[in-house]
């Protein structure tokens, strides 16, 4: 019964998180789809203007772009959602059985729901109206999307634990992370085409590995040689452990006066 009660509270918290994006849940999903489409079209035009429409992967060029955009958006959106979830001093914590674990889980799951639904709708519209899509290993691509979501949530959990102690630092870091990953995530190129000195500039980034691996699953003729999915998984697990320890310590030392510092 306790588990059922917790699941019910989590469900209502997920609905609240989605409606927090917009009073109308359909509009929240529509706005997220629009944001994704703007990114896809912007990168398509940029590649076309720069004459880079012939990457080292034979296949649908828009799928090449979408694999990068979808993984990037899922990662940064999940990080921002978890980092911005209700903390121990939030008024929501006064309503039992609400707690920080439910707040974090609902923020993470609501983001995953919106991103998955937006991605499915965009792919369906493209498949039905423009060009039939063919994904070599859709299960592998979905696994990489889940890994992008997991690593984003893990980083967001660490930032959530740090936010009451270093509010300005966490905000600045999240902005830098989002801007830096516009290039460092590898959306614009594939690892197999990079020289070794450039590869060393990007292979520290878990998102770089996720995007490159997702293209290996999406395209039959691309075999990632310089990336793997184990590295981001290990980094994500480490960040979750650190984040949970930090969140536990922060929750035990929570003070209402922190609200005035945010």
C-alpha atoms as a PDB file:
ATOM      1  CA  UNK A   1       0.000   0.000   0.000  1.00  0.00           C
ATOM      2  CA  UNK A   2       2.850   2.376   0.758  1.00  0.00           C
ATOM      3  CA  UNK A   3       4.339   1.764  -2.697  1.00  0.00           C
ATOM      4  CA  UNK A   4       0.947   2.370  -4.347  1.00  0.00           C
ATOM      5  CA  UNK A   5       0.545   5.604  -2.410  1.00  0.00           C
ATOM      6  CA  UNK A   6       4.018   6.774  -3.397  1.00  0.00           C
ATOM      7  CA  UNK A   7       3.348   5.892  -7.034  1.00  0.00           C
ATOM      8  CA  UNK A   8       0.099   7.891  -6.962  1.00  0.00           C
ATOM      9  CA  UNK A   9       1.824  10.932  -5.478  1.00  0.00           C
ATOM     10  CA  UNK A  10       4.613  10.603  -8.064  1.00  0.00           C
ATOM     11  CA  UNK A  11       2.034  10.460 -10.873  1.00  0.00           C
ATOM     12  CA  UNK A  12       0.325  13.646  -9.705  1.00  0.00           C
ATOM     13  CA  UNK A  13       3.719  15.316  -9.277  1.00  0.00           C
ATOM     14  CA  UNK A  14       4.615  14.346 -12.872  1.00  0.00           C
ATOM     15  CA  UNK A  15       1.367  15.891 -14.133  1.00  0.00           C
ATOM     16  CA  UNK A  16       2.098  19.034 -12.116  1.00  0.00           C
ATOM     17  CA  UNK A  17       5.625  19.209 -13.569  1.00  0.00           C
ATOM     18  CA  UNK A  18       4.330  18.930 -17.131  1.00  0.00           C
ATOM     19  CA  UNK A  19       1.642  21.550 -16.567  1.00  0.00           C
ATOM     20  CA  UNK A  20       4.251  23.829 -15.010  1.00  0.00           C
ATOM     21  CA  UNK A  21       5.748  24.166 -18.516  1.00  0.00           C
ATOM     22  CA  UNK A  22       2.363  25.457 -19.743  1.00  0.00           C
ATOM     23  CA  UNK A  23      -1.155  25.513 -18.311  1.00  0.00           C
ATOM     24  CA  UNK A  24      -2.200  23.301 -21.233  1.00  0.00           C
ATOM     25  CA  UNK A  25      -0.316  19.987 -21.360  1.00  0.00           C
ATOM     26  CA  UNK A  26      -0.751  19.741 -25.155  1.00  0.00           C
ATOM     27  CA  UNK A  27       0.759  23.191 -25.560  1.00  0.00           C
ATOM     28  CA  UNK A  28       3.712  22.144 -23.384  1.00  0.00           C
ATOM     29  CA  UNK A  29       4.413  19.217 -25.716  1.00  0.00           C
ATOM     30  CA  UNK A  30       3.799  21.403 -28.779  1.00  0.00           C
ATOM     31  CA  UNK A  31       6.263  24.045 -27.583  1.00  0.00           C
ATOM     32  CA  UNK A  32       8.874  21.375 -26.918  1.00  0.00           C
ATOM     33  CA  UNK A  33       8.333  19.953 -30.420  1.00  0.00           C
ATOM     34  CA  UNK A  34       8.689  23.442 -31.876  1.00  0.00           C
ATOM     35  CA  UNK A  35      11.966  23.950 -30.039  1.00  0.00           C
ATOM     36  CA  UNK A  36      13.290  20.639 -31.373  1.00  0.00           C
ATOM     37  CA  UNK A  37      12.184  21.494 -34.917  1.00  0.00           C
ATOM     38  CA  UNK A  38      13.869  24.895 -34.749  1.00  0.00           C
ATOM     39  CA  UNK A  39      17.139  23.227 -33.713  1.00  0.00           C
ATOM     40  CA  UNK A  40      16.866  20.620 -36.484  1.00  0.00           C
ATOM     41  CA  UNK A  41      16.075  23.198 -39.185  1.00  0.00           C
ATOM     42  CA  UNK A  42      18.780  25.572 -37.943  1.00  0.00           C
ATOM     43  CA  UNK A  43      21.433  22.857 -38.153  1.00  0.00           C
ATOM     44  CA  UNK A  44      20.114  21.688 -41.533  1.00  0.00           C
ATOM     45  CA  UNK A  45      20.391  25.203 -42.968  1.00  0.00           C
ATOM     46  CA  UNK A  46      23.830  25.683 -41.403  1.00  0.00           C
ATOM     47  CA  UNK A  47      25.139  22.428 -42.901  1.00  0.00           C
ATOM     48  CA  UNK A  48      23.620  23.367 -46.268  1.00  0.00           C
ATOM     49  CA  UNK A  49      25.150  26.879 -46.249  1.00  0.00           C
ATOM     50  CA  UNK A  50      28.580  25.570 -45.196  1.00  0.00           C
ATOM     51  CA  UNK A  51      28.462  22.816 -47.812  1.00  0.00           C
ATOM     52  CA  UNK A  52      28.697  20.049 -45.200  1.00  0.00           C
ATOM     53  CA  UNK A  53      25.706  18.003 -46.347  1.00  0.00           C
ATOM     54  CA  UNK A  54      27.889  14.996 -47.132  1.00  0.00           C
ATOM     55  CA  UNK A  55      28.968  13.528 -43.795  1.00  0.00           C
ATOM     56  CA  UNK A  56      30.887  10.277 -43.547  1.00  0.00           C
ATOM     57  CA  UNK A  57      27.623   8.402 -42.986  1.00  0.00           C
ATOM     58  CA  UNK A  58      25.596   7.282 -45.993  1.00  0.00           C
ATOM     59  CA  UNK A  59      21.927   7.637 -45.216  1.00  0.00           C
ATOM     60  CA  UNK A  60      19.183  10.144 -44.450  1.00  0.00           C
ATOM     61  CA  UNK A  61      20.852  13.450 -43.626  1.00  0.00           C
ATOM     62  CA  UNK A  62      17.987  14.633 -41.397  1.00  0.00           C
ATOM     63  CA  UNK A  63      18.205  11.454 -39.322  1.00  0.00           C
ATOM     64  CA  UNK A  64      21.907  12.249 -38.899  1.00  0.00           C
ATOM     65  CA  UNK A  65      20.960  15.673 -37.539  1.00  0.00           C
ATOM     66  CA  UNK A  66      18.062  14.401 -35.417  1.00  0.00           C
ATOM     67  CA  UNK A  67      20.189  11.817 -33.612  1.00  0.00           C
ATOM     68  CA  UNK A  68      22.389  14.636 -32.360  1.00  0.00           C
ATOM     69  CA  UNK A  69      19.597  17.094 -31.557  1.00  0.00           C
ATOM     70  CA  UNK A  70      17.374  14.573 -29.763  1.00  0.00           C
ATOM     71  CA  UNK A  71      20.188  13.296 -27.535  1.00  0.00           C
ATOM     72  CA  UNK A  72      21.411  16.822 -26.775  1.00  0.00           C
ATOM     73  CA  UNK A  73      17.941  18.171 -25.953  1.00  0.00           C
ATOM     74  CA  UNK A  74      17.075  15.194 -23.754  1.00  0.00           C
ATOM     75  CA  UNK A  75      20.339  15.533 -21.845  1.00  0.00           C
ATOM     76  CA  UNK A  76      20.160  19.246 -21.116  1.00  0.00           C
ATOM     77  CA  UNK A  77      16.394  19.250 -20.465  1.00  0.00           C
ATOM     78  CA  UNK A  78      16.685  16.436 -17.923  1.00  0.00           C
ATOM     79  CA  UNK A  79      19.617  18.160 -16.230  1.00  0.00           C
ATOM     80  CA  UNK A  80      17.682  21.427 -15.962  1.00  0.00           C
ATOM     81  CA  UNK A  81      14.513  19.714 -14.730  1.00  0.00           C
ATOM     82  CA  UNK A  82      16.239  17.771 -11.946  1.00  0.00           C
ATOM     83  CA  UNK A  83      18.358  20.754 -10.924  1.00  0.00           C
ATOM     84  CA  UNK A  84      15.210  22.886 -10.733  1.00  0.00           C
ATOM     85  CA  UNK A  85      13.093  20.377  -8.806  1.00  0.00           C
ATOM     86  CA  UNK A  86      11.659  21.263  -5.401  1.00  0.00           C
ATOM     87  CA  UNK A  87      14.247  21.224  -2.622  1.00  0.00           C
ATOM     88  CA  UNK A  88      13.866  20.468   1.096  1.00  0.00           C
ATOM     89  CA  UNK A  89      12.835  24.056   1.901  1.00  0.00           C
ATOM     90  CA  UNK A  90      10.163  24.214  -0.806  1.00  0.00           C
ATOM     91  CA  UNK A  91       6.557  24.805   0.359  1.00  0.00           C
ATOM     92  CA  UNK A  92       5.602  21.585  -1.464  1.00  0.00           C
ATOM     93  CA  UNK A  93       7.508  19.591   1.153  1.00  0.00           C
ATOM     94  CA  UNK A  94       4.911  20.636   3.746  1.00  0.00           C
ATOM     95  CA  UNK A  95       2.322  18.426   2.069  1.00  0.00           C
ATOM     96  CA  UNK A  96       2.790  14.819   3.223  1.00  0.00           C
ATOM     97  CA  UNK A  97       3.707  12.345   1.806  1.00  0.00           C
ATOM     98  CA  UNK A  98       5.587  14.630  -0.601  1.00  0.00           C
ATOM     99  CA  UNK A  99       9.381  14.473  -0.295  1.00  0.00           C
ATOM    100  CA  UNK A 100      12.444  15.398  -2.283  1.00  0.00           C
ATOM    101  CA  UNK A 101      12.760  11.916  -3.816  1.00  0.00           C
ATOM    102  CA  UNK A 102       9.284  12.240  -5.357  1.00  0.00           C
ATOM    103  CA  UNK A 103      10.072  15.765  -6.553  1.00  0.00           C
ATOM    104  CA  UNK A 104      13.279  14.618  -8.267  1.00  0.00           C
ATOM    105  CA  UNK A 105      11.642  11.524  -9.797  1.00  0.00           C
ATOM    106  CA  UNK A 106       8.646  13.477 -11.092  1.00  0.00           C
ATOM    107  CA  UNK A 107      10.845  16.149 -12.675  1.00  0.00           C
ATOM    108  CA  UNK A 108      13.001  13.523 -14.374  1.00  0.00           C
ATOM    109  CA  UNK A 109      10.083  11.376 -15.590  1.00  0.00           C
ATOM    110  CA  UNK A 110       8.031  14.336 -16.835  1.00  0.00           C
ATOM    111  CA  UNK A 111      10.981  15.469 -18.944  1.00  0.00           C
ATOM    112  CA  UNK A 112      11.456  11.969 -20.339  1.00  0.00           C
ATOM    113  CA  UNK A 113       7.745  11.764 -21.192  1.00  0.00           C
ATOM    114  CA  UNK A 114       7.703  15.104 -23.012  1.00  0.00           C
ATOM    115  CA  UNK A 115      10.944  14.407 -24.892  1.00  0.00           C
ATOM    116  CA  UNK A 116       9.876  10.912 -25.954  1.00  0.00           C
ATOM    117  CA  UNK A 117       6.449  12.043 -27.120  1.00  0.00           C
ATOM    118  CA  UNK A 118       7.888  15.032 -28.987  1.00  0.00           C
ATOM    119  CA  UNK A 119      10.501  12.854 -30.680  1.00  0.00           C
ATOM    120  CA  UNK A 120       7.949  10.207 -31.717  1.00  0.00           C
ATOM    121  CA  UNK A 121       5.593  12.829 -33.171  1.00  0.00           C
ATOM    122  CA  UNK A 122       8.387  14.546 -35.127  1.00  0.00           C
ATOM    123  CA  UNK A 123       9.638  11.249 -36.545  1.00  0.00           C
ATOM    124  CA  UNK A 124       6.102  10.180 -37.462  1.00  0.00           C
ATOM    125  CA  UNK A 125       5.362  13.468 -39.261  1.00  0.00           C
ATOM    126  CA  UNK A 126       8.665  13.257 -41.151  1.00  0.00           C
ATOM    127  CA  UNK A 127       8.038   9.593 -42.026  1.00  0.00           C
ATOM    128  CA  UNK A 128       4.436  10.142 -43.166  1.00  0.00           C
ATOM    129  CA  UNK A 129       4.727  13.490 -44.936  1.00  0.00           C
ATOM    130  CA  UNK A 130       8.269  13.724 -46.305  1.00  0.00           C
ATOM    131  CA  UNK A 131      10.495  10.656 -46.431  1.00  0.00           C
ATOM    132  CA  UNK A 132      10.056   7.116 -45.024  1.00  0.00           C
ATOM    133  CA  UNK A 133      12.659   6.603 -42.333  1.00  0.00           C
ATOM    134  CA  UNK A 134      14.643   3.452 -41.724  1.00  0.00           C
ATOM    135  CA  UNK A 135      16.543   3.020 -38.457  1.00  0.00           C
ATOM    136  CA  UNK A 136      18.961   0.097 -38.355  1.00  0.00           C
ATOM    137  CA  UNK A 137      18.549  -0.661 -34.627  1.00  0.00           C
ATOM    138  CA  UNK A 138      15.690   1.343 -33.054  1.00  0.00           C
ATOM    139  CA  UNK A 139      16.088  -0.421 -29.691  1.00  0.00           C
ATOM    140  CA  UNK A 140      19.745   0.648 -29.554  1.00  0.00           C
ATOM    141  CA  UNK A 141      18.793   4.231 -30.422  1.00  0.00           C
ATOM    142  CA  UNK A 142      16.163   4.227 -27.690  1.00  0.00           C
ATOM    143  CA  UNK A 143      18.750   2.870 -25.235  1.00  0.00           C
ATOM    144  CA  UNK A 144      21.084   5.762 -26.106  1.00  0.00           C
ATOM    145  CA  UNK A 145      18.234   8.229 -25.589  1.00  0.00           C
ATOM    146  CA  UNK A 146      17.617   6.719 -22.156  1.00  0.00           C
ATOM    147  CA  UNK A 147      21.332   6.963 -21.419  1.00  0.00           C
ATOM    148  CA  UNK A 148      21.334  10.654 -22.428  1.00  0.00           C
ATOM    149  CA  UNK A 149      18.374  11.180 -20.075  1.00  0.00           C
ATOM    150  CA  UNK A 150      20.071   9.246 -17.268  1.00  0.00           C
ATOM    151  CA  UNK A 151      23.365  11.159 -17.468  1.00  0.00           C
ATOM    152  CA  UNK A 152      21.496  14.468 -17.619  1.00  0.00           C
ATOM    153  CA  UNK A 153      19.478  13.547 -14.526  1.00  0.00           C
ATOM    154  CA  UNK A 154      22.654  12.417 -12.744  1.00  0.00           C
ATOM    155  CA  UNK A 155      24.397  15.737 -13.393  1.00  0.00           C
ATOM    156  CA  UNK A 156      21.240  17.616 -12.414  1.00  0.00           C
ATOM    157  CA  UNK A 157      21.141  15.698  -9.119  1.00  0.00           C
ATOM    158  CA  UNK A 158      24.686  16.825  -8.282  1.00  0.00           C
ATOM    159  CA  UNK A 159      23.807  20.437  -9.138  1.00  0.00           C
ATOM    160  CA  UNK A 160      20.613  20.190  -7.069  1.00  0.00           C
ATOM    161  CA  UNK A 161      22.665  19.168  -4.031  1.00  0.00           C
ATOM    162  CA  UNK A 162      25.090  22.043  -4.635  1.00  0.00           C
ATOM    163  CA  UNK A 163      22.486  24.715  -5.409  1.00  0.00           C
ATOM    164  CA  UNK A 164      21.657  25.780  -1.800  1.00  0.00           C
ATOM    165  CA  UNK A 165      25.376  26.114  -1.022  1.00  0.00           C
ATOM    166  CA  UNK A 166      26.536  27.692  -4.303  1.00  0.00           C
ATOM    167  CA  UNK A 167      23.447  29.101  -6.080  1.00  0.00           C
ATOM    168  CA  UNK A 168      25.312  31.380  -8.487  1.00  0.00           C
ATOM    169  CA  UNK A 169      27.902  28.738  -9.401  1.00  0.00           C
ATOM    170  CA  UNK A 170      25.275  26.114 -10.241  1.00  0.00           C
ATOM    171  CA  UNK A 171      23.339  28.499 -12.485  1.00  0.00           C
ATOM    172  CA  UNK A 172      26.477  29.625 -14.304  1.00  0.00           C
ATOM    173  CA  UNK A 173      27.751  26.052 -14.645  1.00  0.00           C
ATOM    174  CA  UNK A 174      24.460  24.822 -16.108  1.00  0.00           C
ATOM    175  CA  UNK A 175      24.507  27.637 -18.670  1.00  0.00           C
ATOM    176  CA  UNK A 176      28.119  26.917 -19.605  1.00  0.00           C
ATOM    177  CA  UNK A 177      27.351  23.193 -19.889  1.00  0.00           C
ATOM    178  CA  UNK A 178      24.447  23.826 -22.244  1.00  0.00           C
ATOM    179  CA  UNK A 179      26.389  26.278 -24.427  1.00  0.00           C
ATOM    180  CA  UNK A 180      29.578  24.190 -24.506  1.00  0.00           C
ATOM    181  CA  UNK A 181      27.704  21.070 -25.557  1.00  0.00           C
ATOM    182  CA  UNK A 182      26.410  22.850 -28.642  1.00  0.00           C
ATOM    183  CA  UNK A 183      29.851  21.976 -30.025  1.00  0.00           C
ATOM    184  CA  UNK A 184      31.461  19.532 -27.576  1.00  0.00           C
ATOM    185  CA  UNK A 185      28.612  17.006 -27.847  1.00  0.00           C
ATOM    186  CA  UNK A 186      29.628  16.097 -31.396  1.00  0.00           C
ATOM    187  CA  UNK A 187      26.330  16.907 -33.108  1.00  0.00           C
ATOM    188  CA  UNK A 188      28.150  18.356 -36.102  1.00  0.00           C
ATOM    189  CA  UNK A 189      30.598  15.529 -36.803  1.00  0.00           C
ATOM    190  CA  UNK A 190      31.287  11.859 -36.184  1.00  0.00           C
ATOM    191  CA  UNK A 191      34.149  10.488 -34.106  1.00  0.00           C
ATOM    192  CA  UNK A 192      35.497   8.248 -36.887  1.00  0.00           C
ATOM    193  CA  UNK A 193      36.357  11.283 -39.031  1.00  0.00           C
ATOM    194  CA  UNK A 194      38.278  13.203 -36.341  1.00  0.00           C
ATOM    195  CA  UNK A 195      42.084  13.210 -36.143  1.00  0.00           C
ATOM    196  CA  UNK A 196      43.542  12.024 -32.854  1.00  0.00           C
ATOM    197  CA  UNK A 197      44.407  15.502 -31.567  1.00  0.00           C
ATOM    198  CA  UNK A 198      40.781  16.644 -32.044  1.00  0.00           C
ATOM    199  CA  UNK A 199      39.363  13.411 -30.645  1.00  0.00           C
ATOM    200  CA  UNK A 200      41.142  14.101 -27.361  1.00  0.00           C
ATOM    201  CA  UNK A 201      39.233  17.394 -27.130  1.00  0.00           C
ATOM    202  CA  UNK A 202      35.840  15.676 -27.116  1.00  0.00           C
ATOM    203  CA  UNK A 203      36.105  12.115 -25.816  1.00  0.00           C
ATOM    204  CA  UNK A 204      35.933  13.265 -22.166  1.00  0.00           C
ATOM    205  CA  UNK A 205      32.292  14.205 -22.762  1.00  0.00           C
ATOM    206  CA  UNK A 206      29.754  11.409 -22.072  1.00  0.00           C
ATOM    207  CA  UNK A 207      27.259  13.061 -24.444  1.00  0.00           C
ATOM    208  CA  UNK A 208      29.815  12.854 -27.264  1.00  0.00           C
ATOM    209  CA  UNK A 209      29.967   9.076 -26.797  1.00  0.00           C
ATOM    210  CA  UNK A 210      26.168   8.786 -26.599  1.00  0.00           C
ATOM    211  CA  UNK A 211      25.552  10.714 -29.826  1.00  0.00           C
ATOM    212  CA  UNK A 212      28.251   8.830 -31.722  1.00  0.00           C
ATOM    213  CA  UNK A 213      26.913   5.481 -30.497  1.00  0.00           C
ATOM    214  CA  UNK A 214      23.351   6.469 -31.414  1.00  0.00           C
ATOM    215  CA  UNK A 215      24.480   7.052 -34.994  1.00  0.00           C
ATOM    216  CA  UNK A 216      26.029   3.616 -34.995  1.00  0.00           C
ATOM    217  CA  UNK A 217      22.632   2.181 -34.077  1.00  0.00           C
ATOM    218  CA  UNK A 218      20.734   4.437 -36.506  1.00  0.00           C
ATOM    219  CA  UNK A 219      22.868   3.766 -39.606  1.00  0.00           C
ATOM    220  CA  UNK A 220      23.735   0.316 -40.886  1.00  0.00           C
ATOM    221  CA  UNK A 221      27.021   1.407 -42.483  1.00  0.00           C
ATOM    222  CA  UNK A 222      28.486   3.354 -39.548  1.00  0.00           C
ATOM    223  CA  UNK A 223      30.586   1.540 -36.944  1.00  0.00           C
ATOM    224  CA  UNK A 224      31.774   3.771 -34.052  1.00  0.00           C
ATOM    225  CA  UNK A 225      35.412   2.967 -33.303  1.00  0.00           C
ATOM    226  CA  UNK A 226      36.348   5.747 -30.884  1.00  0.00           C
ATOM    227  CA  UNK A 227      33.323   5.840 -28.594  1.00  0.00           C
ATOM    228  CA  UNK A 228      31.454   3.436 -26.337  1.00  0.00           C
ATOM    229  CA  UNK A 229      28.278   3.442 -24.257  1.00  0.00           C
ATOM    230  CA  UNK A 230      29.937   2.033 -21.116  1.00  0.00           C
ATOM    231  CA  UNK A 231      31.813   5.269 -20.362  1.00  0.00           C
ATOM    232  CA  UNK A 232      28.711   7.523 -20.047  1.00  0.00           C
ATOM    233  CA  UNK A 233      26.932   4.810 -18.061  1.00  0.00           C
ATOM    234  CA  UNK A 234      29.785   4.628 -15.534  1.00  0.00           C
ATOM    235  CA  UNK A 235      29.986   8.421 -15.312  1.00  0.00           C
ATOM    236  CA  UNK A 236      26.222   8.584 -14.776  1.00  0.00           C
ATOM    237  CA  UNK A 237      26.293   6.012 -11.974  1.00  0.00           C
ATOM    238  CA  UNK A 238      29.143   7.870 -10.239  1.00  0.00           C
ATOM    239  CA  UNK A 239      27.266  11.180 -10.506  1.00  0.00           C
ATOM    240  CA  UNK A 240      24.087   9.591  -9.100  1.00  0.00           C
ATOM    241  CA  UNK A 241      25.968   8.233  -6.074  1.00  0.00           C
ATOM    242  CA  UNK A 242      27.667  11.599  -5.456  1.00  0.00           C
ATOM    243  CA  UNK A 243      24.390  13.459  -6.015  1.00  0.00           C
ATOM    244  CA  UNK A 244      22.427  11.254  -3.626  1.00  0.00           C
ATOM    245  CA  UNK A 245      25.030  11.684  -0.902  1.00  0.00           C
ATOM    246  CA  UNK A 246      25.097  15.438  -1.469  1.00  0.00           C
ATOM    247  CA  UNK A 247      21.304  15.702  -1.521  1.00  0.00           C
ATOM    248  CA  UNK A 248      21.049  13.721   1.730  1.00  0.00           C
ATOM    249  CA  UNK A 249      23.576  16.011   3.436  1.00  0.00           C
ATOM    250  CA  UNK A 250      21.889  19.148   2.078  1.00  0.00           C
ATOM    251  CA  UNK A 251      18.440  17.944   3.169  1.00  0.00           C
ATOM    252  CA  UNK A 252      19.705  17.317   6.720  1.00  0.00           C
ATOM    253  CA  UNK A 253      21.141  20.827   6.883  1.00  0.00           C
ATOM    254  CA  UNK A 254      18.309  22.632   5.074  1.00  0.00           C
ATOM    255  CA  UNK A 255      17.467  26.133   6.219  1.00  0.00           C
ATOM    256  CA  UNK A 256      14.541  28.334   5.224  1.00  0.00           C
ATOM    257  CA  UNK A 257      16.922  31.292   5.063  1.00  0.00           C
ATOM    258  CA  UNK A 258      18.401  29.794   1.882  1.00  0.00           C
ATOM    259  CA  UNK A 259      15.320  30.965  -0.004  1.00  0.00           C
ATOM    260  CA  UNK A 260      16.501  34.539   0.408  1.00  0.00           C
ATOM    261  CA  UNK A 261      19.825  33.694  -1.311  1.00  0.00           C
ATOM    262  CA  UNK A 262      18.313  32.245  -4.485  1.00  0.00           C
END
